[in-house]
Amino acid sequence: MMIDTRGYKSVLCLDGDIFFPFIKDTDMPIVATDGAANKLLRCGVRPAVVIGDLDSIDEEVLNSCNCIKIDRQDTTDYEKALSYIDENGLAPAIVVGIGGGYLDRIIMNLSTFYQHNSMLVAEDLVGMIISGRKEIKLPKHTKISILGIDEAVVTSRGLKWDMDNTKLSFSGISSGCNRVAEENIILEVKGKVFIFIYLKDIADAGK
């Protein structure tokens, strides 16, 4: 399954597990936090701009990339980079490198992601935030998870385990490891949910 990047204007690369096949194929400008920039340059990818407090940046990156230092410690480098993207007409962005590393950092990254209109791309996985009505075309049997982070009410059509005004929440019910039963699925969401779509066929009890 191909990743539909239409409507997105940039790629934001964080210092996590970077999905390099996607990074190397994109023609969108890449905005990187300082730790991510180190990884990118080692693999021959030069970001358009590097944002952050620059406390963990390699000298090679400093000497060869456009770096913007922001010393404020009341925001993360992820948030600093998002502000740059918003101010320079580069939103919405596709975010890579959001996972990997310390669990608390992953949770903080997901919390920031939840507040913005972005797409998350990792190896074999795409994530997005959905509110309102959304139609998605996916191959049958695709594995999909729908998670209510605050609280949401969801009705679906086209899933193996459809929902009908089902309340989802972080501390309650979530539709994890669901399956696509029809190529066109429809979601009606009151509130906001996380959607995670697996790009490769996964054989498990849910198929």
Protein backbone atom coordinates (compact mmCIF):
# COMPACT_ATOMS: atom_id res chain seq x y z
CA MET A 1 0.00 0.00 0.00
CA MET A 2 1.36 3.41 -1.01
CA ILE A 3 1.40 6.35 1.39
CA ASP A 4 -0.86 9.16 0.11
CA THR A 5 1.08 12.36 0.80
CA ARG A 6 -1.17 14.71 -1.19
CA GLY A 7 -1.91 17.92 0.70
CA TYR A 8 1.20 17.73 2.89
CA LYS A 9 3.90 20.37 2.46
CA SER A 10 6.92 19.19 4.45
CA VAL A 11 8.50 16.37 6.42
CA LEU A 12 9.39 16.84 10.07
CA CYS A 13 12.09 14.45 11.22
CA LEU A 14 12.47 13.71 14.94
CA ASP A 15 15.30 11.89 16.69
CA GLY A 16 13.62 8.48 16.90
CA ASP A 17 13.43 5.46 14.62
CA ILE A 18 13.59 7.13 11.20
CA PHE A 19 11.95 5.39 8.24
CA PHE A 20 14.73 6.14 5.76
CA PRO A 21 13.13 4.66 2.59
CA PHE A 22 10.39 7.29 2.89
CA ILE A 23 12.83 10.10 3.72
CA LYS A 24 15.06 9.34 0.75
CA ASP A 25 12.14 9.22 -1.71
CA THR A 26 10.41 12.43 -0.67
CA ASP A 27 10.76 15.67 -2.63
CA MET A 28 9.26 17.77 0.18
CA PRO A 29 11.50 20.02 2.31
CA ILE A 30 12.79 18.25 5.42
CA VAL A 31 12.77 20.06 8.76
CA ALA A 32 14.86 18.22 11.35
CA THR A 33 15.46 18.49 15.07
CA ASP A 34 19.15 18.50 15.97
CA GLY A 35 19.50 14.82 16.94
CA ALA A 36 17.65 13.75 13.81
CA ALA A 37 19.88 15.92 11.64
CA ASN A 38 22.91 13.92 12.80
CA LYS A 39 21.30 10.68 11.61
CA LEU A 40 20.12 12.18 8.33
CA LEU A 41 23.52 13.57 7.34
CA ARG A 42 25.24 10.26 8.12
CA CYS A 43 22.88 8.63 5.60
CA GLY A 44 23.41 11.25 2.92
CA VAL A 45 20.21 13.23 3.51
CA ARG A 46 20.59 16.98 4.01
CA PRO A 47 17.64 18.67 5.77
CA ALA A 48 16.47 22.07 4.55
CA VAL A 49 16.66 23.42 8.09
CA VAL A 50 17.61 22.17 11.56
CA ILE A 51 15.65 23.47 14.55
CA GLY A 52 16.26 23.12 18.29
CA ASP A 53 18.50 24.01 21.18
CA LEU A 54 21.36 22.36 19.23
CA ASP A 55 22.69 20.70 22.37
CA SER A 56 23.27 17.36 20.65
CA ILE A 57 24.23 18.37 17.13
CA ASP A 58 27.36 17.15 15.33
CA GLU A 59 29.89 19.72 14.16
CA GLU A 60 29.45 18.52 10.56
CA VAL A 61 25.75 19.42 10.72
CA LEU A 62 26.49 22.85 12.18
CA ASN A 63 28.98 23.56 9.38
CA SER A 64 26.91 22.30 6.46
CA CYS A 65 23.23 22.88 7.29
CA ASN A 66 20.97 25.84 7.92
CA CYS A 67 20.62 25.65 11.71
CA ILE A 68 18.31 27.75 13.88
CA LYS A 69 19.09 27.71 17.59
CA ILE A 70 16.22 28.24 20.04
CA ASP A 71 17.39 28.12 23.64
CA ARG A 72 13.98 28.02 25.32
CA GLN A 73 13.62 24.99 27.56
CA ASP A 74 9.88 25.30 28.14
CA THR A 75 9.20 23.66 24.76
CA THR A 76 10.59 20.51 23.17
CA ASP A 77 12.57 20.54 19.93
CA TYR A 78 9.51 18.93 18.32
CA GLU A 79 7.36 21.90 19.38
CA LYS A 80 10.02 24.37 18.24
CA ALA A 81 10.11 22.72 14.81
CA LEU A 82 6.31 22.74 14.56
CA SER A 83 6.26 26.48 15.26
CA TYR A 84 8.78 27.03 12.45
CA ILE A 85 6.67 24.90 10.09
CA ASP A 86 3.49 26.82 10.93
CA GLU A 87 5.18 30.23 10.57
CA ASN A 88 6.75 29.38 7.21
CA GLY A 89 3.76 27.88 5.39
CA LEU A 90 5.03 24.31 5.61
CA ALA A 91 2.01 22.83 7.39
CA PRO A 92 0.59 20.26 7.42
CA ALA A 93 3.67 18.11 7.87
CA ILE A 94 4.43 14.41 7.78
CA VAL A 95 6.24 13.40 10.97
CA VAL A 96 8.86 10.64 11.06
CA GLY A 97 11.05 9.46 13.92
CA ILE A 98 8.30 9.87 16.52
CA GLY A 99 8.91 6.44 18.08
CA GLY A 100 11.96 4.73 19.51
CA GLY A 101 14.02 5.59 22.55
CA TYR A 102 12.65 6.39 26.00
CA LEU A 103 8.99 5.59 26.59
CA ASP A 104 8.26 8.95 28.25
CA ARG A 105 9.61 10.78 25.20
CA ILE A 106 7.42 8.70 22.88
CA ILE A 107 4.36 9.54 24.97
CA MET A 108 5.27 13.25 24.94
CA ASN A 109 5.77 13.12 21.16
CA LEU A 110 2.38 11.47 20.68
CA SER A 111 0.79 14.11 22.91
CA THR A 112 2.26 16.86 20.72
CA PHE A 113 1.25 15.01 17.55
CA TYR A 114 -2.33 14.75 18.82
CA GLN A 115 -2.63 18.55 18.87
CA HIS A 116 -1.67 19.12 15.22
CA ASN A 117 -2.93 18.21 11.77
CA SER A 118 -0.09 15.90 10.76
CA MET A 119 0.53 12.42 9.44
CA LEU A 120 2.84 10.00 11.25
CA VAL A 121 4.95 7.68 9.12
CA ALA A 122 7.00 4.84 10.59
CA GLU A 123 8.22 1.56 9.17
CA ASP A 124 5.10 -0.30 7.94
CA LEU A 125 2.79 2.11 9.81
CA VAL A 126 0.86 5.32 9.14
CA GLY A 127 -0.91 7.30 11.87
CA MET A 128 -3.27 10.27 11.79
CA ILE A 129 -5.83 12.15 13.85
CA ILE A 130 -9.43 12.03 12.64
CA SER A 131 -12.41 14.14 13.65
CA GLY A 132 -15.78 14.30 11.91
CA ARG A 133 -16.54 12.22 8.83
CA LYS A 134 -13.67 10.48 7.04
CA GLU A 135 -13.69 8.12 4.06
CA ILE A 136 -10.59 5.96 3.62
CA LYS A 137 -9.81 3.52 0.83
CA LEU A 138 -7.68 0.57 1.97
CA PRO A 139 -7.06 -2.99 0.76
CA LYS A 140 -9.22 -5.62 2.40
CA HIS A 141 -7.75 -7.28 5.51
CA THR A 142 -5.57 -4.22 6.28
CA LYS A 143 -4.90 -4.06 10.01
CA ILE A 144 -6.19 -0.84 11.58
CA SER A 145 -6.46 0.45 15.14
CA ILE A 146 -8.71 3.29 16.31
CA LEU A 147 -7.88 4.78 19.70
CA GLY A 148 -9.81 7.40 21.63
CA ILE A 149 -7.23 9.45 23.50
CA ASP A 150 -9.49 11.90 25.29
CA GLU A 151 -12.96 10.58 24.59
CA ALA A 152 -14.74 10.06 21.27
CA VAL A 153 -17.89 8.46 19.92
CA VAL A 154 -17.32 6.47 16.72
CA THR A 155 -19.55 4.89 14.09
CA SER A 156 -17.86 2.90 11.33
CA ARG A 157 -18.82 1.12 8.13
CA GLY A 158 -16.56 -1.32 6.31
CA LEU A 159 -14.59 -2.79 9.20
CA LYS A 160 -14.68 -6.40 10.33
CA TRP A 161 -15.76 -5.21 13.78
CA ASP A 162 -17.84 -2.12 13.05
CA MET A 163 -18.80 0.38 15.73
CA ASP A 164 -22.16 2.05 16.24
CA ASN A 165 -21.94 5.15 18.44
CA THR A 166 -19.24 3.38 20.42
CA LYS A 167 -17.49 5.41 23.09
CA LEU A 168 -13.70 5.15 22.88
CA SER A 169 -11.29 6.56 25.45
CA PHE A 170 -7.73 6.12 26.63
CA SER A 171 -8.81 4.58 29.91
CA GLY A 172 -11.71 2.65 28.39
CA ILE A 173 -12.52 0.88 25.13
CA SER A 174 -10.39 1.12 21.98
CA SER A 175 -10.76 -0.64 18.64
CA GLY A 176 -7.31 -2.22 18.46
CA CYS A 177 -6.21 -4.66 15.75
CA ASN A 178 -9.40 -4.28 13.70
CA ARG A 179 -9.52 -5.30 10.03
CA VAL A 180 -10.75 -3.66 6.83
CA ALA A 181 -13.68 -5.69 5.44
CA GLU A 182 -14.56 -3.40 2.52
CA GLU A 183 -12.14 -1.33 0.43
CA ASN A 184 -14.01 1.89 1.24
CA ILE A 185 -14.49 2.48 4.94
CA ILE A 186 -16.38 5.35 6.53
CA LEU A 187 -15.73 6.74 9.99
CA GLU A 188 -17.99 9.20 11.82
CA VAL A 189 -16.11 10.61 14.81
CA LYS A 190 -17.48 12.90 17.49
CA GLY A 191 -14.34 14.11 19.21
CA LYS A 192 -10.90 12.99 18.02
CA VAL A 193 -9.27 9.59 17.58
CA PHE A 194 -5.87 8.21 16.68
CA ILE A 195 -5.92 5.99 13.59
CA PHE A 196 -3.02 3.60 12.99
CA ILE A 197 -2.90 1.80 9.62
CA TYR A 198 -0.45 -1.04 8.99
CA LEU A 199 1.12 -0.91 5.53
CA LYS A 200 2.06 -4.58 5.27
CA ASP A 201 -0.08 -7.67 5.49
CA ILE A 202 0.01 -8.97 9.07
CA ALA A 203 -1.20 -12.47 9.77
CA ASP A 204 -2.70 -12.87 13.22
CA ALA A 205 -5.92 -13.89 14.91
CA GLY A 206 -7.63 -10.76 13.63
CA LYS A 207 -7.50 -11.80 9.98
